[in-house]
């Protein structure tokens, strides 16, 4: 992925995890949520969403 798609792409909101996989980070009042996605034919494909239980994504 080389360009932006009409929204701020980069830390701290979006992080590139490698091999075309990206992570959207969202801070909720008492938790932290993540959504993993990739880009296919200029569209975001949401792969998995979860509430983090630890500080580090493995």
PDB file of N, CA and C in Angstrom:
ATOM      1  N   UNK A   1       0.856  -1.161   0.000  1.00  0.00           N
ATOM      2  CA  UNK A   1       0.000   0.000   0.000  1.00  0.00           C
ATOM      3  C   UNK A   1       0.904   1.226   0.000  1.00  0.00           C
ATOM      4  N   UNK A   2       0.678   2.099  -0.938  1.00  0.00           N
ATOM      5  CA  UNK A   2       1.591   3.226  -1.087  1.00  0.00           C
ATOM      6  C   UNK A   2       0.967   4.570  -0.752  1.00  0.00           C
ATOM      7  N   UNK A   3      -0.352   4.688  -0.756  1.00  0.00           N
ATOM      8  CA  UNK A   3      -0.967   5.995  -0.556  1.00  0.00           C
ATOM      9  C   UNK A   3      -1.998   5.981   0.539  1.00  0.00           C
ATOM     10  N   UNK A   4      -2.579   7.142   0.755  1.00  0.00           N
ATOM     11  CA  UNK A   4      -3.623   7.267   1.748  1.00  0.00           C
ATOM     12  C   UNK A   4      -4.984   7.136   1.084  1.00  0.00           C
ATOM     13  N   UNK A   5      -5.955   6.712   1.852  1.00  0.00           N
ATOM     14  CA  UNK A   5      -7.300   6.494   1.363  1.00  0.00           C
ATOM     15  C   UNK A   5      -8.286   7.439   2.033  1.00  0.00           C
ATOM     16  N   UNK A   6      -8.036   8.744   1.908  1.00  0.00           N
ATOM     17  CA  UNK A   6      -8.926   9.795   2.401  1.00  0.00           C
ATOM     18  C   UNK A   6      -9.103   9.807   3.907  1.00  0.00           C
ATOM     19  N   UNK A   7      -8.189   9.245   4.656  1.00  0.00           N
ATOM     20  CA  UNK A   7      -8.229   9.345   6.105  1.00  0.00           C
ATOM     21  C   UNK A   7      -6.796   9.272   6.603  1.00  0.00           C
ATOM     22  N   UNK A   8      -6.537   9.793   7.785  1.00  0.00           N
ATOM     23  CA  UNK A   8      -5.143   9.792   8.281  1.00  0.00           C
ATOM     24  C   UNK A   8      -4.620   8.373   8.445  1.00  0.00           C
ATOM     25  N   UNK A   9      -3.588   8.055   7.727  1.00  0.00           N
ATOM     26  CA  UNK A   9      -3.002   6.723   7.781  1.00  0.00           C
ATOM     27  C   UNK A   9      -1.656   6.834   8.478  1.00  0.00           C
ATOM     28  N   UNK A  10      -1.526   6.251   9.623  1.00  0.00           N
ATOM     29  CA  UNK A  10      -0.279   6.291  10.361  1.00  0.00           C
ATOM     30  C   UNK A  10      -0.516   6.288  11.860  1.00  0.00           C
ATOM     31  N   UNK A  11       0.574   6.197  12.579  1.00  0.00           N
ATOM     32  CA  UNK A  11       0.519   6.152  14.034  1.00  0.00           C
ATOM     33  C   UNK A  11       0.013   7.492  14.564  1.00  0.00           C
ATOM     34  N   UNK A  12      -0.712   7.517  15.637  1.00  0.00           N
ATOM     35  CA  UNK A  12      -1.008   6.397  16.529  1.00  0.00           C
ATOM     36  C   UNK A  12      -2.291   5.640  16.176  1.00  0.00           C
ATOM     37  N   UNK A  13      -3.012   6.048  15.153  1.00  0.00           N
ATOM     38  CA  UNK A  13      -4.293   5.403  14.836  1.00  0.00           C
ATOM     39  C   UNK A  13      -4.158   4.125  14.025  1.00  0.00           C
ATOM     40  N   UNK A  14      -3.209   4.086  13.102  1.00  0.00           N
ATOM     41  CA  UNK A  14      -3.056   2.937  12.208  1.00  0.00           C
ATOM     42  C   UNK A  14      -1.592   2.521  12.192  1.00  0.00           C
ATOM     43  N   UNK A  15      -1.342   1.216  12.284  1.00  0.00           N
ATOM     44  CA  UNK A  15       0.025   0.710  12.268  1.00  0.00           C
ATOM     45  C   UNK A  15       0.134  -0.396  11.228  1.00  0.00           C
ATOM     46  N   UNK A  16       1.232  -0.400  10.470  1.00  0.00           N
ATOM     47  CA  UNK A  16       1.496  -1.446   9.481  1.00  0.00           C
ATOM     48  C   UNK A  16       2.185  -2.597  10.189  1.00  0.00           C
ATOM     49  N   UNK A  17       1.609  -3.793  10.116  1.00  0.00           N
ATOM     50  CA  UNK A  17       2.159  -4.961  10.802  1.00  0.00           C
ATOM     51  C   UNK A  17       3.032  -5.812   9.896  1.00  0.00           C
ATOM     52  N   UNK A  18       3.059  -5.489   8.597  1.00  0.00           N
ATOM     53  CA  UNK A  18       3.868  -6.237   7.649  1.00  0.00           C
ATOM     54  C   UNK A  18       3.020  -7.121   6.759  1.00  0.00           C
ATOM     55  N   UNK A  19       3.568  -7.484   5.605  1.00  0.00           N
ATOM     56  CA  UNK A  19       2.933  -8.396   4.647  1.00  0.00           C
ATOM     57  C   UNK A  19       1.514  -7.970   4.276  1.00  0.00           C
ATOM     58  N   UNK A  20       1.276  -6.669   4.152  1.00  0.00           N
ATOM     59  CA  UNK A  20      -0.032  -6.173   3.745  1.00  0.00           C
ATOM     60  C   UNK A  20      -1.077  -6.130   4.844  1.00  0.00           C
ATOM     61  N   UNK A  21      -0.685  -6.423   6.080  1.00  0.00           N
ATOM     62  CA  UNK A  21      -1.603  -6.432   7.215  1.00  0.00           C
ATOM     63  C   UNK A  21      -1.459  -5.133   8.003  1.00  0.00           C
ATOM     64  N   UNK A  22      -2.603  -4.526   8.327  1.00  0.00           N
ATOM     65  CA  UNK A  22      -2.645  -3.261   9.057  1.00  0.00           C
ATOM     66  C   UNK A  22      -3.511  -3.407  10.293  1.00  0.00           C
ATOM     67  N   UNK A  23      -3.319  -2.485  11.246  1.00  0.00           N
ATOM     68  CA  UNK A  23      -4.066  -2.500  12.498  1.00  0.00           C
ATOM     69  C   UNK A  23      -4.616  -1.105  12.764  1.00  0.00           C
ATOM     70  N   UNK A  24      -5.922  -1.014  13.033  1.00  0.00           N
ATOM     71  CA  UNK A  24      -6.535   0.231  13.487  1.00  0.00           C
ATOM     72  C   UNK A  24      -6.615   0.154  15.003  1.00  0.00           C
ATOM     73  N   UNK A  25      -6.154   1.207  15.670  1.00  0.00           N
ATOM     74  CA  UNK A  25      -6.134   1.243  17.131  1.00  0.00           C
ATOM     75  C   UNK A  25      -7.196   2.202  17.632  1.00  0.00           C
ATOM     76  N   UNK A  26      -7.971   1.765  18.608  1.00  0.00           N
ATOM     77  CA  UNK A  26      -9.016   2.609  19.169  1.00  0.00           C
ATOM     78  C   UNK A  26      -8.996   2.496  20.684  1.00  0.00           C
ATOM     79  N   UNK A  27      -8.903   3.631  21.363  1.00  0.00           N
ATOM     80  CA  UNK A  27      -8.956   3.643  22.821  1.00  0.00           C
ATOM     81  C   UNK A  27     -10.389   3.899  23.263  1.00  0.00           C
ATOM     82  N   UNK A  28     -10.933   2.948  24.000  1.00  0.00           N
ATOM     83  CA  UNK A  28     -12.257   3.066  24.586  1.00  0.00           C
ATOM     84  C   UNK A  28     -12.092   3.574  26.018  1.00  0.00           C
ATOM     85  N   UNK A  29     -13.164   3.982  26.691  1.00  0.00           N
ATOM     86  CA  UNK A  29     -13.008   4.536  28.040  1.00  0.00           C
ATOM     87  C   UNK A  29     -12.257   3.624  29.016  1.00  0.00           C
ATOM     88  N   UNK A  30     -12.478   2.319  28.957  1.00  0.00           N
ATOM     89  CA  UNK A  30     -11.817   1.423  29.914  1.00  0.00           C
ATOM     90  C   UNK A  30     -11.004   0.317  29.246  1.00  0.00           C
ATOM     91  N   UNK A  31     -10.959   0.298  27.915  1.00  0.00           N
ATOM     92  CA  UNK A  31     -10.268  -0.792  27.207  1.00  0.00           C
ATOM     93  C   UNK A  31      -9.632  -0.257  25.925  1.00  0.00           C
ATOM     94  N   UNK A  32      -8.890  -1.122  25.267  1.00  0.00           N
ATOM     95  CA  UNK A  32      -8.287  -0.790  23.978  1.00  0.00           C
ATOM     96  C   UNK A  32      -8.789  -1.804  22.954  1.00  0.00           C
ATOM     97  N   UNK A  33      -9.301  -1.305  21.831  1.00  0.00           N
ATOM     98  CA  UNK A  33      -9.809  -2.180  20.770  1.00  0.00           C
ATOM     99  C   UNK A  33      -8.877  -2.124  19.572  1.00  0.00           C
ATOM    100  N   UNK A  34      -8.845  -3.216  18.816  1.00  0.00           N
ATOM    101  CA  UNK A  34      -8.050  -3.306  17.596  1.00  0.00           C
ATOM    102  C   UNK A  34      -8.877  -3.926  16.485  1.00  0.00           C
ATOM    103  N   UNK A  35      -8.636  -3.474  15.260  1.00  0.00           N
ATOM    104  CA  UNK A  35      -9.227  -4.090  14.083  1.00  0.00           C
ATOM    105  C   UNK A  35      -8.096  -4.332  13.096  1.00  0.00           C
ATOM    106  N   UNK A  36      -7.945  -5.568  12.659  1.00  0.00           N
ATOM    107  CA  UNK A  36      -6.926  -5.918  11.670  1.00  0.00           C
ATOM    108  C   UNK A  36      -7.571  -5.878  10.295  1.00  0.00           C
ATOM    109  N   UNK A  37      -6.829  -5.332   9.321  1.00  0.00           N
ATOM    110  CA  UNK A  37      -7.381  -5.226   7.973  1.00  0.00           C
ATOM    111  C   UNK A  37      -6.289  -5.295   6.931  1.00  0.00           C
ATOM    112  N   UNK A  38      -6.709  -5.505   5.688  1.00  0.00           N
ATOM    113  CA  UNK A  38      -5.825  -5.418   4.536  1.00  0.00           C
ATOM    114  C   UNK A  38      -6.546  -4.575   3.487  1.00  0.00           C
ATOM    115  N   UNK A  39      -5.858  -4.273   2.403  1.00  0.00           N
ATOM    116  CA  UNK A  39      -6.447  -3.494   1.321  1.00  0.00           C
ATOM    117  C   UNK A  39      -6.484  -4.386   0.078  1.00  0.00           C
ATOM    118  N   UNK A  40      -7.672  -4.529  -0.504  1.00  0.00           N
ATOM    119  CA  UNK A  40      -7.868  -5.357  -1.691  1.00  0.00           C
ATOM    120  C   UNK A  40      -8.599  -4.514  -2.730  1.00  0.00           C
ATOM    121  N   UNK A  41      -7.983  -4.291  -3.885  1.00  0.00           N
ATOM    122  CA  UNK A  41      -8.611  -3.500  -4.950  1.00  0.00           C
ATOM    123  C   UNK A  41      -9.108  -2.147  -4.445  1.00  0.00           C
ATOM    124  N   UNK A  42      -8.263  -1.456  -3.682  1.00  0.00           N
ATOM    125  CA  UNK A  42      -8.532  -0.123  -3.135  1.00  0.00           C
ATOM    126  C   UNK A  42      -9.682  -0.093  -2.133  1.00  0.00           C
ATOM    127  N   UNK A  43     -10.032  -1.230  -1.542  1.00  0.00           N
ATOM    128  CA  UNK A  43     -11.041  -1.293  -0.502  1.00  0.00           C
ATOM    129  C   UNK A  43     -10.434  -1.889   0.759  1.00  0.00           C
ATOM    130  N   UNK A  44     -10.856  -1.384   1.930  1.00  0.00           N
ATOM    131  CA  UNK A  44     -10.434  -1.966   3.193  1.00  0.00           C
ATOM    132  C   UNK A  44     -11.221  -3.244   3.421  1.00  0.00           C
ATOM    133  N   UNK A  45     -10.524  -4.308   3.768  1.00  0.00           N
ATOM    134  CA  UNK A  45     -11.156  -5.579   4.100  1.00  0.00           C
ATOM    135  C   UNK A  45     -10.874  -5.825   5.577  1.00  0.00           C
ATOM    136  N   UNK A  46     -11.915  -5.725   6.404  1.00  0.00           N
ATOM    137  CA  UNK A  46     -11.755  -5.937   7.845  1.00  0.00           C
ATOM    138  C   UNK A  46     -11.665  -7.431   8.106  1.00  0.00           C
ATOM    139  N   UNK A  47     -10.595  -7.829   8.794  1.00  0.00           N
ATOM    140  CA  UNK A  47     -10.331  -9.252   9.000  1.00  0.00           C
ATOM    141  C   UNK A  47     -10.730  -9.738  10.381  1.00  0.00           C
ATOM    142  N   UNK A  48     -10.486  -8.898  11.398  1.00  0.00           N
ATOM    143  CA  UNK A  48     -10.741  -9.342  12.768  1.00  0.00           C
ATOM    144  C   UNK A  48     -10.747  -8.129  13.688  1.00  0.00           C
ATOM    145  N   UNK A  49     -11.662  -8.092  14.612  1.00  0.00           N
ATOM    146  CA  UNK A  49     -11.703  -7.043  15.622  1.00  0.00           C
ATOM    147  C   UNK A  49     -11.691  -7.679  16.998  1.00  0.00           C
ATOM    148  N   UNK A  50     -11.027  -7.021  17.952  1.00  0.00           N
ATOM    149  CA  UNK A  50     -10.938  -7.600  19.287  1.00  0.00           C
ATOM    150  C   UNK A  50     -10.628  -6.526  20.320  1.00  0.00           C
ATOM    151  N   UNK A  51     -10.914  -6.846  21.584  1.00  0.00           N
ATOM    152  CA  UNK A  51     -10.543  -6.019  22.723  1.00  0.00           C
ATOM    153  C   UNK A  51      -9.248  -6.593  23.275  1.00  0.00           C
ATOM    154  N   UNK A  52      -8.245  -5.744  23.418  1.00  0.00           N
ATOM    155  CA  UNK A  52      -6.947  -6.218  23.909  1.00  0.00           C
ATOM    156  C   UNK A  52      -7.009  -6.569  25.386  1.00  0.00           C
ATOM    157  N   UNK A  53      -6.314  -7.643  25.743  1.00  0.00           N
ATOM    158  CA  UNK A  53      -6.223  -8.065  27.145  1.00  0.00           C
ATOM    159  C   UNK A  53      -4.815  -7.863  27.684  1.00  0.00           C
ATOM    160  N   UNK A  54      -3.846  -7.666  26.783  1.00  0.00           N
ATOM    161  CA  UNK A  54      -2.468  -7.425  27.201  1.00  0.00           C
ATOM    162  C   UNK A  54      -1.970  -6.162  26.522  1.00  0.00           C
ATOM    163  N   UNK A  55      -0.816  -5.696  26.924  1.00  0.00           N
ATOM    164  CA  UNK A  55      -0.237  -4.478  26.370  1.00  0.00           C
ATOM    165  C   UNK A  55       0.349  -4.667  24.974  1.00  0.00           C
ATOM    166  N   UNK A  56       0.782  -5.899  24.633  1.00  0.00           N
ATOM    167  CA  UNK A  56       1.509  -6.119  23.386  1.00  0.00           C
ATOM    168  C   UNK A  56       0.724  -7.015  22.439  1.00  0.00           C
ATOM    169  N   UNK A  57       0.725  -6.670  21.144  1.00  0.00           N
ATOM    170  CA  UNK A  57       0.114  -7.509  20.113  1.00  0.00           C
ATOM    171  C   UNK A  57       1.157  -8.527  19.665  1.00  0.00           C
ATOM    172  N   UNK A  58       0.823  -9.808  19.722  1.00  0.00           N
ATOM    173  CA  UNK A  58       1.778 -10.870  19.355  1.00  0.00           C
ATOM    174  C   UNK A  58       1.516 -11.327  17.946  1.00  0.00           C
TER     175      UNK A  58
END
